[in-house]
Amino acid sequence: MNALYRHELYATSKTAATSAEREKARQTYLDEKGVSEDFRW
């Protein structure tokens, strides 16, 4: 189930209508994947 949730977040981060929605989905996706703040842009 986590993989499906992360896939949906990734897809939303690429296709959301507004840049704010894309950024929120991107940040949530990176949090779920466990990517450190130091490796983000």
PDB file of N, CA and C in Angstrom:
ATOM      1  N   MET A   1       0.815  -1.195   0.000  1.00  0.00           N
ATOM      2  CA  MET A   1       0.000   0.000   0.000  1.00  0.00           C
ATOM      3  C   MET A   1       0.858   1.257   0.000  1.00  0.00           C
ATOM      4  N   ASN A   2       1.983   1.214   0.706  1.00  0.00           N
ATOM      5  CA  ASN A   2       2.834   2.398   0.732  1.00  0.00           C
ATOM      6  C   ASN A   2       3.341   2.751  -0.655  1.00  0.00           C
ATOM      7  N   ALA A   3       3.647   1.754  -1.447  1.00  0.00           N
ATOM      8  CA  ALA A   3       4.144   2.011  -2.797  1.00  0.00           C
ATOM      9  C   ALA A   3       3.076   2.695  -3.645  1.00  0.00           C
ATOM     10  N   LEU A   4       1.838   2.277  -3.495  1.00  0.00           N
ATOM     11  CA  LEU A   4       0.749   2.913  -4.237  1.00  0.00           C
ATOM     12  C   LEU A   4       0.568   4.363  -3.805  1.00  0.00           C
ATOM     13  N   TYR A   5       0.643   4.601  -2.512  1.00  0.00           N
ATOM     14  CA  TYR A   5       0.513   5.956  -1.986  1.00  0.00           C
ATOM     15  C   TYR A   5       1.648   6.837  -2.499  1.00  0.00           C
ATOM     16  N   ARG A   6       2.878   6.324  -2.458  1.00  0.00           N
ATOM     17  CA  ARG A   6       4.022   7.102  -2.947  1.00  0.00           C
ATOM     18  C   ARG A   6       3.913   7.361  -4.444  1.00  0.00           C
ATOM     19  N   HIS A   7       3.425   6.383  -5.195  1.00  0.00           N
ATOM     20  CA  HIS A   7       3.247   6.577  -6.635  1.00  0.00           C
ATOM     21  C   HIS A   7       2.235   7.693  -6.903  1.00  0.00           C
ATOM     22  N   GLU A   8       1.158   7.698  -6.148  1.00  0.00           N
ATOM     23  CA  GLU A   8       0.148   8.748  -6.314  1.00  0.00           C
ATOM     24  C   GLU A   8       0.732  10.117  -5.973  1.00  0.00           C
ATOM     25  N   LEU A   9       1.540  10.188  -4.917  1.00  0.00           N
ATOM     26  CA  LEU A   9       2.190  11.457  -4.572  1.00  0.00           C
ATOM     27  C   LEU A   9       3.131  11.907  -5.679  1.00  0.00           C
ATOM     28  N   TYR A  10       3.894  10.969  -6.222  1.00  0.00           N
ATOM     29  CA  TYR A  10       4.823  11.304  -7.303  1.00  0.00           C
ATOM     30  C   TYR A  10       4.063  11.820  -8.520  1.00  0.00           C
ATOM     31  N   ALA A  11       3.010  11.120  -8.885  1.00  0.00           N
ATOM     32  CA  ALA A  11       2.216  11.541 -10.045  1.00  0.00           C
ATOM     33  C   ALA A  11       1.613  12.920  -9.810  1.00  0.00           C
ATOM     34  N   THR A  12       1.126  13.171  -8.613  1.00  0.00           N
ATOM     35  CA  THR A  12       0.563  14.479  -8.289  1.00  0.00           C
ATOM     36  C   THR A  12       1.634  15.547  -8.332  1.00  0.00           C
ATOM     37  N   SER A  13       2.843  15.213  -7.898  1.00  0.00           N
ATOM     38  CA  SER A  13       3.922  16.208  -7.902  1.00  0.00           C
ATOM     39  C   SER A  13       4.311  16.609  -9.313  1.00  0.00           C
ATOM     40  N   LYS A  14       3.970  15.793 -10.295  1.00  0.00           N
ATOM     41  CA  LYS A  14       4.283  16.107 -11.693  1.00  0.00           C
ATOM     42  C   LYS A  14       3.099  16.707 -12.445  1.00  0.00           C
ATOM     43  N   THR A  15       1.866  16.434 -12.002  1.00  0.00           N
ATOM     44  CA  THR A  15       0.707  16.795 -12.818  1.00  0.00           C
ATOM     45  C   THR A  15      -0.313  17.698 -12.143  1.00  0.00           C
ATOM     46  N   ALA A  16      -0.075  18.133 -10.917  1.00  0.00           N
ATOM     47  CA  ALA A  16      -1.057  18.972 -10.224  1.00  0.00           C
ATOM     48  C   ALA A  16      -1.269  20.284 -10.971  1.00  0.00           C
ATOM     49  N   ALA A  17      -2.434  20.858 -10.773  1.00  0.00           N
ATOM     50  CA  ALA A  17      -2.825  22.061 -11.516  1.00  0.00           C
ATOM     51  C   ALA A  17      -1.986  23.284 -11.147  1.00  0.00           C
ATOM     52  N   THR A  18      -1.656  23.426  -9.870  1.00  0.00           N
ATOM     53  CA  THR A  18      -0.903  24.608  -9.449  1.00  0.00           C
ATOM     54  C   THR A  18       0.476  24.211  -8.944  1.00  0.00           C
ATOM     55  N   SER A  19       1.378  25.166  -8.984  1.00  0.00           N
ATOM     56  CA  SER A  19       2.736  24.887  -8.512  1.00  0.00           C
ATOM     57  C   SER A  19       2.758  24.638  -7.008  1.00  0.00           C
ATOM     58  N   ALA A  20       1.862  25.263  -6.256  1.00  0.00           N
ATOM     59  CA  ALA A  20       1.802  25.034  -4.810  1.00  0.00           C
ATOM     60  C   ALA A  20       1.404  23.587  -4.515  1.00  0.00           C
ATOM     61  N   GLU A  21       0.434  23.067  -5.251  1.00  0.00           N
ATOM     62  CA  GLU A  21       0.022  21.674  -5.066  1.00  0.00           C
ATOM     63  C   GLU A  21       1.147  20.721  -5.455  1.00  0.00           C
ATOM     64  N   ARG A  22       1.851  21.024  -6.540  1.00  0.00           N
ATOM     65  CA  ARG A  22       2.972  20.183  -6.965  1.00  0.00           C
ATOM     66  C   ARG A  22       4.063  20.167  -5.905  1.00  0.00           C
ATOM     67  N   GLU A  23       4.387  21.327  -5.349  1.00  0.00           N
ATOM     68  CA  GLU A  23       5.449  21.405  -4.344  1.00  0.00           C
ATOM     69  C   GLU A  23       5.061  20.656  -3.076  1.00  0.00           C
ATOM     70  N   LYS A  24       3.808  20.793  -2.637  1.00  0.00           N
ATOM     71  CA  LYS A  24       3.360  20.082  -1.438  1.00  0.00           C
ATOM     72  C   LYS A  24       3.441  18.570  -1.655  1.00  0.00           C
ATOM     73  N   ALA A  25       3.007  18.100  -2.813  1.00  0.00           N
ATOM     74  CA  ALA A  25       3.078  16.666  -3.112  1.00  0.00           C
ATOM     75  C   ALA A  25       4.529  16.210  -3.185  1.00  0.00           C
ATOM     76  N   ARG A  26       5.400  17.030  -3.759  1.00  0.00           N
ATOM     77  CA  ARG A  26       6.823  16.678  -3.863  1.00  0.00           C
ATOM     78  C   ARG A  26       7.445  16.550  -2.477  1.00  0.00           C
ATOM     79  N   GLN A  27       7.164  17.512  -1.603  1.00  0.00           N
ATOM     80  CA  GLN A  27       7.714  17.469  -0.247  1.00  0.00           C
ATOM     81  C   GLN A  27       7.196  16.247   0.518  1.00  0.00           C
ATOM     82  N   THR A  28       5.913  15.970   0.392  1.00  0.00           N
ATOM     83  CA  THR A  28       5.329  14.809   1.068  1.00  0.00           C
ATOM     84  C   THR A  28       5.939  13.518   0.533  1.00  0.00           C
ATOM     85  N   TYR A  29       6.118  13.438  -0.778  1.00  0.00           N
ATOM     86  CA  TYR A  29       6.742  12.257  -1.394  1.00  0.00           C
ATOM     87  C   TYR A  29       8.149  12.050  -0.843  1.00  0.00           C
ATOM     88  N   LEU A  30       8.937  13.112  -0.793  1.00  0.00           N
ATOM     89  CA  LEU A  30      10.304  12.989  -0.292  1.00  0.00           C
ATOM     90  C   LEU A  30      10.321  12.593   1.180  1.00  0.00           C
ATOM     91  N   ASP A  31       9.378  13.121   1.971  1.00  0.00           N
ATOM     92  CA  ASP A  31       9.267  12.720   3.376  1.00  0.00           C
ATOM     93  C   ASP A  31       8.960  11.225   3.487  1.00  0.00           C
ATOM     94  N   GLU A  32       8.017  10.754   2.683  1.00  0.00           N
ATOM     95  CA  GLU A  32       7.631   9.340   2.709  1.00  0.00           C
ATOM     96  C   GLU A  32       8.782   8.432   2.280  1.00  0.00           C
ATOM     97  N   LYS A  33       9.571   8.863   1.309  1.00  0.00           N
ATOM     98  CA  LYS A  33      10.709   8.076   0.836  1.00  0.00           C
ATOM     99  C   LYS A  33      11.865   8.101   1.831  1.00  0.00           C
ATOM    100  N   GLY A  34      11.871   9.054   2.751  1.00  0.00           N
ATOM    101  CA  GLY A  34      12.936   9.142   3.731  1.00  0.00           C
ATOM    102  C   GLY A  34      14.152   9.902   3.239  1.00  0.00           C
ATOM    103  N   VAL A  35      13.959  10.768   2.259  1.00  0.00           N
ATOM    104  CA  VAL A  35      15.065  11.561   1.721  1.00  0.00           C
ATOM    105  C   VAL A  35      15.400  12.666   2.717  1.00  0.00           C
ATOM    106  N   SER A  36      16.658  12.747   3.085  1.00  0.00           N
ATOM    107  CA  SER A  36      17.114  13.737   4.053  1.00  0.00           C
ATOM    108  C   SER A  36      16.948  15.152   3.507  1.00  0.00           C
ATOM    109  N   GLU A  37      16.705  16.100   4.396  1.00  0.00           N
ATOM    110  CA  GLU A  37      16.583  17.512   4.003  1.00  0.00           C
ATOM    111  C   GLU A  37      17.846  17.999   3.305  1.00  0.00           C
ATOM    112  N   ASP A  38      18.986  17.431   3.645  1.00  0.00           N
ATOM    113  CA  ASP A  38      20.260  17.856   3.061  1.00  0.00           C
ATOM    114  C   ASP A  38      20.382  17.497   1.580  1.00  0.00           C
ATOM    115  N   PHE A  39      19.600  16.544   1.117  1.00  0.00           N
ATOM    116  CA  PHE A  39      19.686  16.099  -0.272  1.00  0.00           C
ATOM    117  C   PHE A  39      18.578  16.666  -1.146  1.00  0.00           C
ATOM    118  N   ARG A  40      17.836  17.614  -0.624  1.00  0.00           N
ATOM    119  CA  ARG A  40      16.728  18.205  -1.376  1.00  0.00           C
ATOM    120  C   ARG A  40      17.116  19.566  -1.907  1.00  0.00           C
ATOM    121  N   TRP A  41      16.449  19.976  -2.964  1.00  0.00           N
ATOM    122  CA  TRP A  41      16.657  21.322  -3.479  1.00  0.00           C
ATOM    123  C   TRP A  41      15.473  22.179  -3.163  1.00  0.00           C
TER     124      TRP A  41
END
